[in-house]
Protein backbone atom coordinates (compact mmCIF):
# COMPACT_ATOMS: atom_id res chain seq x y z
CA MET A 1 17.70 67.56 27.67
CA THR A 2 19.34 65.00 25.31
CA ARG A 3 20.06 65.96 21.82
CA PRO A 4 17.95 63.94 19.34
CA ARG A 5 19.87 61.60 17.13
CA SER A 6 19.78 62.11 13.44
CA ARG A 7 17.26 60.05 11.45
CA PRO A 8 18.77 56.96 9.89
CA ILE A 9 19.17 56.97 6.07
CA ASP A 10 16.49 55.26 4.19
CA LEU A 11 17.90 54.16 0.74
CA ALA A 12 14.34 53.29 -0.46
CA GLU A 13 12.33 56.43 0.26
CA ASP A 14 14.45 59.42 1.13
CA GLY A 15 14.60 62.17 -1.52
CA ILE A 16 17.26 61.58 -4.04
CA VAL A 17 19.26 64.84 -3.86
CA GLY A 18 19.23 64.92 -0.07
CA LEU A 19 20.09 61.15 0.13
CA ILE A 20 23.15 61.55 -2.26
CA LEU A 21 24.35 64.51 -0.25
CA ARG A 22 23.96 62.80 3.02
CA LEU A 23 25.87 59.74 1.76
CA SER A 24 28.52 61.72 -0.12
CA GLY A 25 29.04 64.42 2.45
CA PRO A 26 31.11 62.34 4.87
CA ALA A 27 32.85 60.61 1.97
CA ILE A 28 33.78 64.04 0.57
CA LEU A 29 35.06 65.29 3.86
CA GLY A 30 37.04 62.03 4.39
CA ILE A 31 38.44 62.06 0.89
CA SER A 32 39.16 65.78 1.21
CA ALA A 33 41.21 64.83 4.33
CA HIS A 34 43.17 62.53 1.96
CA ALA A 35 43.59 65.46 -0.35
CA LEU A 36 44.88 67.75 2.50
CA GLN A 37 47.26 65.02 3.58
CA MET A 38 48.78 64.66 0.04
CA LEU A 39 49.18 68.41 -0.28
CA VAL A 40 50.83 68.57 3.10
CA ASN A 41 53.08 65.70 2.33
CA ALA A 42 54.06 67.34 -0.89
CA TRP A 43 54.72 70.59 0.97
CA PHE A 44 57.03 68.72 3.45
CA VAL A 45 58.83 66.90 0.58
CA ALA A 46 59.26 70.05 -1.51
CA ASP A 47 61.99 71.31 0.92
CA LEU A 48 63.96 68.28 0.08
CA GLY A 49 64.45 69.31 -3.61
CA ALA A 50 63.54 68.16 -7.09
CA THR A 51 64.88 64.62 -6.60
CA ALA A 52 62.54 64.01 -3.69
CA ILE A 53 59.59 65.33 -5.66
CA ALA A 54 60.55 63.01 -8.50
CA THR A 55 60.83 60.12 -6.03
CA ILE A 56 57.22 60.62 -4.81
CA ALA A 57 55.96 60.89 -8.46
CA ILE A 58 57.73 57.74 -9.69
CA ALA A 59 56.65 55.66 -6.65
CA TYR A 60 52.96 56.35 -7.13
CA PRO A 61 52.51 53.88 -10.09
CA VAL A 62 54.23 51.17 -8.13
CA THR A 63 51.97 51.51 -5.12
CA LEU A 64 48.90 51.86 -7.39
CA LEU A 65 49.46 48.24 -8.33
CA VAL A 66 48.48 47.18 -4.89
CA ALA A 67 45.62 49.79 -4.42
CA ALA A 68 44.16 48.56 -7.74
CA LEU A 69 43.20 45.19 -6.15
CA GLY A 70 41.29 47.08 -3.48
CA TYR A 71 39.41 49.34 -5.76
CA GLY A 72 38.27 46.48 -7.93
CA ALA A 73 37.18 44.30 -5.01
CA GLY A 74 35.60 47.29 -3.26
CA VAL A 75 33.60 48.42 -6.20
CA ALA A 76 32.30 44.92 -6.86
CA ALA A 77 31.32 44.45 -3.21
CA ALA A 78 29.58 47.75 -3.05
CA SER A 79 27.51 47.10 -6.17
CA GLN A 80 26.53 43.53 -5.00
CA VAL A 81 25.78 44.66 -1.34
CA ALA A 82 23.70 47.58 -2.37
CA ARG A 83 21.59 45.71 -4.84
CA ALA A 84 21.21 42.69 -2.40
CA LEU A 85 20.00 44.98 0.29
CA GLY A 86 17.66 46.73 -2.17
CA ALA A 87 16.22 43.35 -2.88
CA GLY A 88 15.94 42.44 0.75
CA ASP A 89 18.62 39.64 0.69
CA ALA A 90 20.81 40.42 3.73
CA ASN A 91 22.54 37.04 3.57
CA ARG A 92 23.86 37.55 0.07
CA ALA A 93 24.87 41.08 1.04
CA GLY A 94 26.91 39.70 3.95
CA ALA A 95 28.56 37.11 1.65
CA ALA A 96 29.34 39.79 -0.97
CA ALA A 97 30.96 42.06 1.66
CA ALA A 98 33.19 39.20 2.80
CA LEU A 99 34.09 38.25 -0.69
CA GLY A 100 35.46 41.76 -1.27
CA PHE A 101 38.02 41.17 1.48
CA TRP A 102 38.83 37.72 0.10
CA LEU A 103 39.41 39.09 -3.37
CA ALA A 104 41.62 42.06 -2.24
CA LEU A 105 43.73 40.98 0.76
CA PRO A 106 45.63 37.69 -0.38
CA MET A 107 46.41 39.12 -3.81
CA GLY A 108 47.37 42.51 -2.33
CA GLY A 109 49.84 40.75 0.08
CA ALA A 110 51.32 38.69 -2.84
CA VAL A 111 51.91 41.83 -5.01
CA THR A 112 53.38 43.62 -2.11
CA VAL A 113 55.82 40.82 -1.48
CA ALA A 114 56.89 40.76 -5.13
CA ILE A 115 57.49 44.48 -5.05
CA LEU A 116 59.60 44.38 -1.80
CA ALA A 117 61.67 41.59 -3.26
CA ASP A 118 63.40 43.95 -5.79
CA THR A 119 61.92 47.53 -5.47
CA PRO A 120 64.63 49.20 -7.63
CA ALA A 121 63.76 46.89 -10.55
CA TRP A 122 60.10 47.89 -10.48
CA LEU A 123 61.22 51.51 -10.54
CA ARG A 124 63.49 51.03 -13.54
CA LEU A 125 60.59 49.39 -15.34
CA LEU A 126 58.86 52.69 -15.03
CA GLY A 127 61.73 54.51 -16.82
CA ALA A 128 63.77 55.66 -13.74
CA ASP A 129 67.49 55.66 -14.17
CA VAL A 130 69.71 53.89 -11.74
CA ALA A 131 70.27 56.81 -9.55
CA LEU A 132 66.66 57.69 -9.26
CA ALA A 133 65.68 54.12 -8.75
CA THR A 134 68.11 53.79 -5.97
CA ALA A 135 66.97 57.03 -4.28
CA ALA A 136 63.33 56.17 -4.52
CA ALA A 137 63.42 52.48 -3.42
CA PRO A 138 63.26 53.03 0.26
CA TYR A 139 60.15 55.33 0.08
CA THR A 140 58.48 53.05 -2.46
CA ALA A 141 58.88 49.94 -0.40
CA LEU A 142 57.52 51.61 2.70
CA SER A 143 54.61 53.19 0.82
CA THR A 144 53.77 49.91 -0.74
CA VAL A 145 53.38 48.37 2.72
CA GLY A 146 51.25 51.23 3.75
CA THR A 147 48.97 50.66 0.64
CA ALA A 148 48.64 47.04 1.48
CA LEU A 149 47.25 48.03 4.86
CA MET A 150 45.10 50.53 3.12
CA LEU A 151 43.27 47.66 1.30
CA VAL A 152 41.30 46.99 4.42
CA MET A 153 40.21 50.66 4.40
CA ILE A 154 39.37 50.67 0.65
CA VAL A 155 37.22 47.65 0.73
CA GLY A 156 35.76 48.40 4.17
CA GLY A 157 34.77 51.87 2.98
CA PHE A 158 32.97 50.65 -0.08
CA VAL A 159 31.03 48.11 1.96
CA VAL A 160 29.85 50.45 4.82
CA ARG A 161 28.88 53.17 2.29
CA ALA A 162 26.75 50.60 0.35
CA GLN A 163 24.87 50.09 3.67
CA GLY A 164 24.35 53.82 4.09
CA HIS A 165 27.01 54.36 6.80
CA ALA A 166 28.82 57.12 5.15
CA ARG A 167 29.60 58.84 8.39
CA LEU A 168 31.64 55.93 9.62
CA SER A 169 33.64 55.79 6.43
CA GLY A 170 34.26 59.54 6.52
CA ALA A 171 35.27 59.53 10.24
CA ILE A 172 37.83 56.83 9.68
CA MET A 173 39.35 58.46 6.60
CA ILE A 174 39.51 61.89 8.44
CA GLY A 175 41.15 60.29 11.51
CA GLY A 176 43.49 58.18 9.40
CA PHE A 177 44.67 60.94 7.02
CA GLY A 178 44.86 63.43 9.96
CA LEU A 179 47.15 61.00 11.74
CA ASN A 180 49.15 60.76 8.62
CA ILE A 181 49.70 64.55 8.49
CA LEU A 182 50.83 64.60 12.03
CA LEU A 183 53.31 61.71 11.41
CA ASP A 184 54.57 63.39 8.22
CA TRP A 185 55.48 66.44 10.36
CA VAL A 186 57.14 64.43 13.05
CA LEU A 187 59.06 62.07 10.92
CA ILE A 188 60.06 64.33 7.93
CA ARG A 189 60.52 67.66 9.74
CA LEU A 190 61.45 66.81 13.42
CA CYS A 191 63.25 63.51 12.95
CA GLY A 192 64.75 64.34 9.48
CA LEU A 193 63.92 61.06 7.90
CA GLY A 194 63.11 62.51 4.44
CA THR A 195 61.02 60.49 2.05
CA SER A 196 61.44 57.41 4.19
CA GLY A 197 59.65 59.30 6.95
CA ALA A 198 56.66 59.78 4.64
CA GLY A 199 56.59 56.09 3.99
CA TRP A 200 56.67 55.24 7.68
CA ALA A 201 53.87 57.85 8.25
CA ALA A 202 51.70 56.17 5.68
CA ILE A 203 52.23 52.72 7.37
CA GLY A 204 51.26 54.06 10.81
CA SER A 205 48.14 55.83 9.71
CA GLN A 206 46.86 53.02 7.55
CA LEU A 207 47.40 50.43 10.38
CA VAL A 208 45.19 52.57 12.62
CA GLY A 209 42.50 52.86 9.88
CA ALA A 210 42.49 49.19 9.14
CA PHE A 211 42.09 48.31 12.85
CA ALA A 212 39.13 50.67 13.03
CA TYR A 213 37.28 48.67 10.29
CA VAL A 214 38.22 45.38 11.69
CA ALA A 215 36.80 46.33 15.13
CA TRP A 216 33.58 47.61 13.45
CA PHE A 217 32.97 44.48 11.55
CA ALA A 218 33.91 42.25 14.53
CA LYS A 219 31.15 43.95 16.53
CA GLY A 220 28.58 43.06 13.94
CA ARG A 221 27.52 46.63 13.19
CA GLY A 222 25.44 47.70 10.16
CA ALA A 223 22.77 46.02 8.13
CA LEU A 224 24.66 42.93 7.30
CA ARG A 225 26.94 40.30 8.85
CA LEU A 226 30.06 38.97 7.21
CA ARG A 227 29.46 35.40 6.22
CA SER A 228 31.14 32.83 4.04
CA PRO A 229 30.99 33.69 0.39
CA TRP A 230 31.64 30.16 -0.70
CA ARG A 231 28.33 28.43 0.32
CA GLY A 232 24.74 29.21 -0.46
CA THR A 233 25.53 32.20 -2.82
CA PRO A 234 25.37 30.89 -6.41
CA GLY A 235 26.92 33.04 -9.02
CA LEU A 236 28.35 35.52 -6.43
CA LEU A 237 32.05 34.98 -7.25
CA ALA A 238 31.50 35.03 -10.98
CA GLU A 239 29.53 38.28 -10.83
CA ALA A 240 32.16 39.81 -8.41
CA LEU A 241 34.95 38.99 -10.85
CA ARG A 242 33.05 40.44 -13.82
CA LEU A 243 32.75 43.71 -11.95
CA ALA A 244 36.11 43.74 -10.20
CA VAL A 245 38.47 42.68 -13.03
CA PRO A 246 37.62 45.74 -15.21
CA VAL A 247 38.12 48.15 -12.38
CA THR A 248 41.37 46.48 -11.23
CA GLY A 249 42.48 46.30 -14.88
CA SER A 250 41.69 50.10 -15.41
CA SER A 251 43.75 50.96 -12.24
CA LEU A 252 46.66 48.77 -13.45
CA LEU A 253 46.35 50.43 -16.78
CA ALA A 254 46.48 53.80 -15.01
CA ALA A 255 49.71 52.78 -13.40
CA PHE A 256 51.08 51.85 -16.86
CA ALA A 257 49.88 55.16 -18.31
CA MET A 258 51.42 57.05 -15.50
CA ALA A 259 54.69 55.21 -16.03
CA LEU A 260 54.53 56.23 -19.81
CA PHE A 261 54.11 59.81 -18.58
CA VAL A 262 57.16 59.66 -16.45
CA GLU A 263 59.19 57.88 -19.18
CA ALA A 264 57.93 60.44 -21.74
CA ALA A 265 58.90 63.33 -19.53
CA ALA A 266 62.39 61.91 -18.46
CA PRO A 267 64.29 62.94 -21.59
CA TYR A 268 63.43 66.62 -20.83
CA GLY A 269 65.13 66.55 -17.40
CA GLU A 270 64.49 66.00 -13.69
CA ALA A 271 62.51 69.28 -13.58
CA ALA A 272 60.04 67.92 -16.18
CA VAL A 273 59.54 64.76 -14.19
CA ALA A 274 59.05 66.77 -10.99
CA ALA A 275 56.60 69.07 -12.83
CA GLN A 276 54.56 66.09 -14.00
CA GLY A 277 54.52 64.77 -10.35
CA ILE A 278 53.21 68.04 -9.04
CA ALA A 279 50.53 68.43 -11.72
CA LEU A 280 49.40 64.82 -11.34
CA ARG A 281 49.09 65.16 -7.51
CA LEU A 282 47.22 68.41 -7.69
CA THR A 283 44.81 67.00 -10.26
CA LEU A 284 44.32 63.91 -8.16
CA VAL A 285 43.72 66.05 -5.15
CA ALA A 286 41.16 68.12 -7.02
CA ALA A 287 39.30 64.96 -8.10
CA LEU A 288 39.18 63.36 -4.71
CA PRO A 289 35.95 65.27 -3.50
CA LEU A 290 34.33 64.40 -6.77
CA LEU A 291 35.20 60.76 -6.08
CA GLY A 292 33.39 61.09 -2.72
CA LEU A 293 30.38 62.42 -4.51
CA VAL A 294 30.15 59.40 -6.89
CA ALA A 295 30.90 57.08 -4.07
CA GLY A 296 27.77 58.30 -2.27
CA ALA A 297 25.82 58.08 -5.49
CA GLN A 298 26.81 54.52 -6.11
CA ALA A 299 24.92 53.27 -3.04
CA VAL A 300 21.81 55.11 -4.20
CA LEU A 301 22.09 53.89 -7.81
CA GLY A 302 22.71 50.23 -6.76
CA HIS A 303 19.88 50.26 -4.26
CA ALA A 304 17.48 51.67 -6.80
CA ALA A 305 18.49 49.06 -9.40
CA GLY A 306 18.14 46.14 -6.89
CA SER A 307 14.68 47.40 -5.85
CA GLY A 308 13.41 47.98 -9.34
CA ARG A 309 13.03 51.70 -9.09
CA SER A 310 14.00 53.05 -12.38
CA ASP A 311 12.52 56.51 -11.50
CA ARG A 312 14.93 56.83 -8.65
CA LEU A 313 17.76 55.46 -10.73
CA ALA A 314 17.27 58.07 -13.40
CA GLN A 315 16.91 60.88 -10.86
CA ALA A 316 20.13 59.79 -9.02
CA LEU A 317 22.09 59.71 -12.36
CA GLY A 318 20.83 63.11 -13.52
CA PHE A 319 21.88 64.81 -10.17
CA THR A 320 25.24 63.00 -10.22
CA VAL A 321 26.08 64.13 -13.68
CA ALA A 322 24.97 67.84 -13.21
CA ALA A 323 26.87 68.08 -9.81
CA SER A 324 30.02 66.55 -11.12
CA LEU A 325 30.05 68.70 -14.15
CA ALA A 326 29.46 71.91 -12.15
CA TYR A 327 32.33 70.87 -9.74
CA GLY A 328 34.61 70.28 -12.68
CA VAL A 329 34.00 73.68 -14.19
CA VAL A 330 34.57 75.53 -10.99
CA VAL A 331 37.58 73.64 -9.72
CA GLY A 332 39.18 73.29 -13.18
CA GLY A 333 38.79 77.08 -13.71
CA LEU A 334 40.37 77.88 -10.30
CA MET A 335 43.38 75.56 -11.04
CA ILE A 336 43.93 77.44 -14.30
CA LEU A 337 43.83 80.83 -12.59
CA LEU A 338 45.89 79.76 -9.54
CA ALA A 339 48.40 77.42 -11.33
CA ARG A 340 51.55 79.47 -10.49
CA PRO A 341 50.77 80.08 -6.78
CA LEU A 342 49.76 76.47 -6.38
CA VAL A 343 52.97 75.13 -7.91
CA SER A 344 55.03 77.59 -5.91
CA LEU A 345 54.01 75.92 -2.70
CA PHE A 346 55.63 72.63 -3.86
CA ALA A 347 58.66 73.65 -6.03
CA GLN A 348 61.52 75.81 -5.10
CA GLU A 349 63.62 75.69 -8.25
CA PRO A 350 62.50 78.30 -10.86
CA GLU A 351 62.58 75.76 -13.79
CA THR A 352 60.46 73.17 -11.87
CA ALA A 353 57.98 75.93 -10.82
CA ARG A 354 57.67 77.19 -14.32
CA GLU A 355 57.09 73.79 -15.97
CA GLY A 356 54.80 72.70 -13.02
CA ALA A 357 52.53 75.70 -13.55
CA ARG A 358 52.23 74.97 -17.24
CA ALA A 359 51.52 71.28 -16.63
CA VAL A 360 48.89 72.22 -13.94
CA ALA A 361 47.09 74.55 -16.27
CA ILE A 362 46.88 72.04 -19.13
CA PHE A 363 45.85 69.25 -16.75
CA ALA A 364 43.07 71.57 -15.41
CA VAL A 365 41.63 71.95 -18.88
CA ALA A 366 41.47 68.15 -19.18
CA PHE A 367 39.87 68.02 -15.69
CA VAL A 368 36.79 70.18 -16.43
CA PRO A 369 34.51 67.46 -18.00
CA VAL A 370 35.92 64.56 -15.97
CA GLY A 371 32.58 64.11 -14.25
CA LEU A 372 31.06 62.53 -17.39
CA GLN A 373 33.39 59.53 -17.21
CA LEU A 374 33.05 59.19 -13.56
CA ALA A 375 29.31 59.25 -13.60
CA ALA A 376 29.09 56.81 -16.38
CA ALA A 377 31.50 54.37 -14.67
CA THR A 378 29.69 54.68 -11.36
CA LEU A 379 26.35 53.97 -13.08
CA PHE A 380 27.34 50.88 -14.84
CA GLN A 381 29.29 49.52 -11.72
CA ALA A 382 26.20 50.18 -9.54
CA ILE A 383 23.67 48.46 -11.75
CA GLY A 384 25.95 45.44 -12.57
CA ALA A 385 26.91 46.12 -16.14
CA PRO A 386 30.59 45.21 -16.20
CA ARG A 387 31.23 45.48 -19.92
CA ARG A 388 30.10 49.16 -20.18
CA ALA A 389 31.78 49.92 -16.87
CA ALA A 390 34.95 48.33 -18.29
CA VAL A 391 34.87 50.28 -21.58
CA VAL A 392 34.58 53.59 -19.66
CA SER A 393 37.10 52.77 -16.86
CA LEU A 394 39.78 51.33 -19.20
CA ALA A 395 39.37 54.33 -21.64
CA ALA A 396 39.51 56.89 -18.76
CA GLN A 397 42.45 55.16 -17.05
CA GLY A 398 44.81 54.63 -19.91
CA LEU A 399 43.54 53.32 -23.22
CA ALA A 400 42.56 56.81 -24.35
CA LEU A 401 45.88 58.17 -23.13
CA ILE A 402 48.41 55.62 -24.59
CA PRO A 403 48.00 56.46 -28.30
CA PRO A 404 48.39 60.23 -28.07
CA LEU A 405 51.20 59.74 -25.51
CA LEU A 406 52.91 57.61 -28.09
CA ILE A 407 52.35 59.82 -31.06
CA LEU A 408 52.20 63.55 -29.86
CA PRO A 409 55.62 63.77 -28.11
CA THR A 410 57.38 62.60 -31.28
CA LEU A 411 55.62 65.46 -33.23
CA PHE A 412 55.67 68.23 -30.59
CA GLY A 413 58.19 67.24 -28.00
CA TYR A 414 57.46 67.98 -24.36
CA ASP A 415 54.40 69.97 -25.38
CA GLY A 416 52.99 66.84 -26.87
CA VAL A 417 53.53 65.03 -23.54
CA LEU A 418 51.27 67.63 -21.84
CA TRP A 419 48.65 67.85 -24.63
CA SER A 420 48.25 64.11 -24.55
CA ARG A 421 46.33 64.50 -21.32
CA ILE A 422 43.74 66.76 -22.86
CA VAL A 423 43.17 64.51 -25.84
CA ALA A 424 42.80 61.49 -23.62
CA GLU A 425 40.49 62.91 -21.14
CA PHE A 426 38.16 64.37 -23.67
CA CYS A 427 37.96 61.07 -25.46
CA ALA A 428 37.10 59.21 -22.39
CA ASP A 429 34.54 61.85 -21.35
CA GLY A 430 32.88 61.71 -24.79
CA LEU A 431 32.67 57.93 -24.64
CA GLY A 432 31.07 57.99 -21.14
CA LEU A 433 28.50 60.54 -22.37
CA LEU A 434 27.61 58.35 -25.44
CA LEU A 435 27.22 55.23 -23.31
CA MET A 436 24.93 56.98 -20.75
CA LEU A 437 22.79 58.40 -23.63
CA ALA A 438 22.60 54.92 -25.14
CA TRP A 439 21.51 53.49 -21.76
CA ALA A 440 18.93 56.09 -21.21
CA ALA A 441 17.53 55.45 -24.68
CA GLU A 442 17.13 51.73 -23.65
CA VAL A 443 15.33 52.61 -20.49
CA ARG A 444 12.96 54.67 -22.37
CA ARG A 445 12.28 51.92 -24.77
CA THR A 446 11.77 49.33 -22.04
CA ILE A 447 9.97 50.77 -19.10
CA GLY A 448 11.60 49.52 -15.80
CA ALA A 449 14.53 48.00 -17.59
CA ALA A 450 17.97 48.21 -16.37
CA PRO A 451 20.07 47.59 -19.48
CA VAL A 452 22.79 45.23 -18.22
CA GLU A 453 24.91 42.93 -20.15
CA GLY A 454 25.94 39.39 -20.74
CA ARG A 455 24.37 36.92 -18.38
CA GLU A 456 23.38 39.50 -15.85
CA ALA A 457 19.87 40.76 -15.20
CA VAL A 458 17.97 42.31 -18.13
CA GLN A 459 15.09 43.50 -16.08
CA MET A 460 15.49 45.37 -12.77
CA PRO A 461 13.83 42.98 -10.24
CA PRO A 462 10.90 43.96 -8.13
CA SER A 463 11.58 44.63 -4.46
CA HIS A 464 10.56 41.06 -3.48
CA LYS A 465 12.91 39.38 -5.92
CA PRO A 466 16.63 39.00 -5.10
CA ALA A 467 18.76 40.82 -7.57
CA HIS A 468 20.92 37.87 -8.30
CA GLN A 469 18.04 35.59 -9.61
CA GLY A 470 18.15 37.10 -12.97
CA ALA A 471 21.95 36.66 -13.33
């Protein structure tokens, strides 16, 4: 007796809660594999001392410059693909998917080459002294190459999830990051390559993941076929840029903000920089499953907007906000309670462990309401409202952080560096909540309206009308 295959996902008719869970579940598992890989990587590196931990911390903003291009292009492609499929326009969906790769890969390659040309100089721009920049350069260069390969996985993941193929995305992430853990163990522990081994592990795992997506698209799987984005799709590039540029800009701003964090902590010693690195990594790891939830929700929100289903749009947003806030409360609370044992896994020196535990507890307080900003950004990206998405993303990724980070440390020293995180996150969360409430008020005033901005659609199109015709 053969086992029955699971019923395909129907973005138009399946129940909202079950649909989001089915789409986000594989994404959460895949992203959790990334979280596990980051923790294991930090655990391996911890044995190498505070300098190695600081190396990983200061390299991250550099590699984020490359990853930012993939996130911007991926978010734009996912929004366009989901709305086009919701409107029944498979040709436009295929062109939007291809455009995502066109926007990410050439620019990502160019930025990678620029970083490889003088890696220590990029690290010195982030506030590293000559010794730390020299020590961190080999790992940073290798990690940057790995991130460039990861662009295929980032864009490919957004595109397949927008079609409802969350299991594929989750499987590739689990496989890729699982391989990364294995390679970390072999190259760092068995071969003794140190942080350079972590860089080579990233390259190997990302290469395998990129090949998996290339093979899937080459076989023509899914609800769309990649096609030229340059012919027969009026307005596609302009709309993609309006969606992608703010997301990319917010990621670049996040890299700049992280650089300011490192620079602000540097006068307080290597232990302070290492503590910041541990706290940032643990907070990022805690946020990854939440990113999986909103990634699954984005496809539902975009499809509902494209098909003109304001009722499904509102239900999907309500569940996303409630679930993300509940997650933030539970996980943030656990991070506060377990700050010391968590940090002790990654820091051997007493001073680094003490400062790391304090940083984790403070960052955890800021993490609790983070679902508000993520839900707001996801909503506006999904429905094609780039200005509002830009406001939330830019505030969350740096604009809200820079003023307190420039002011509070001068008043309160290192404590001001830490408290800047809470001030920034609460400002960004409050802004996201206000914009969502304003959007909901517009929806109530105009039945069936999707309040998008600029030259984009003012009305959510009916199912027979392509979403782009109102652009």
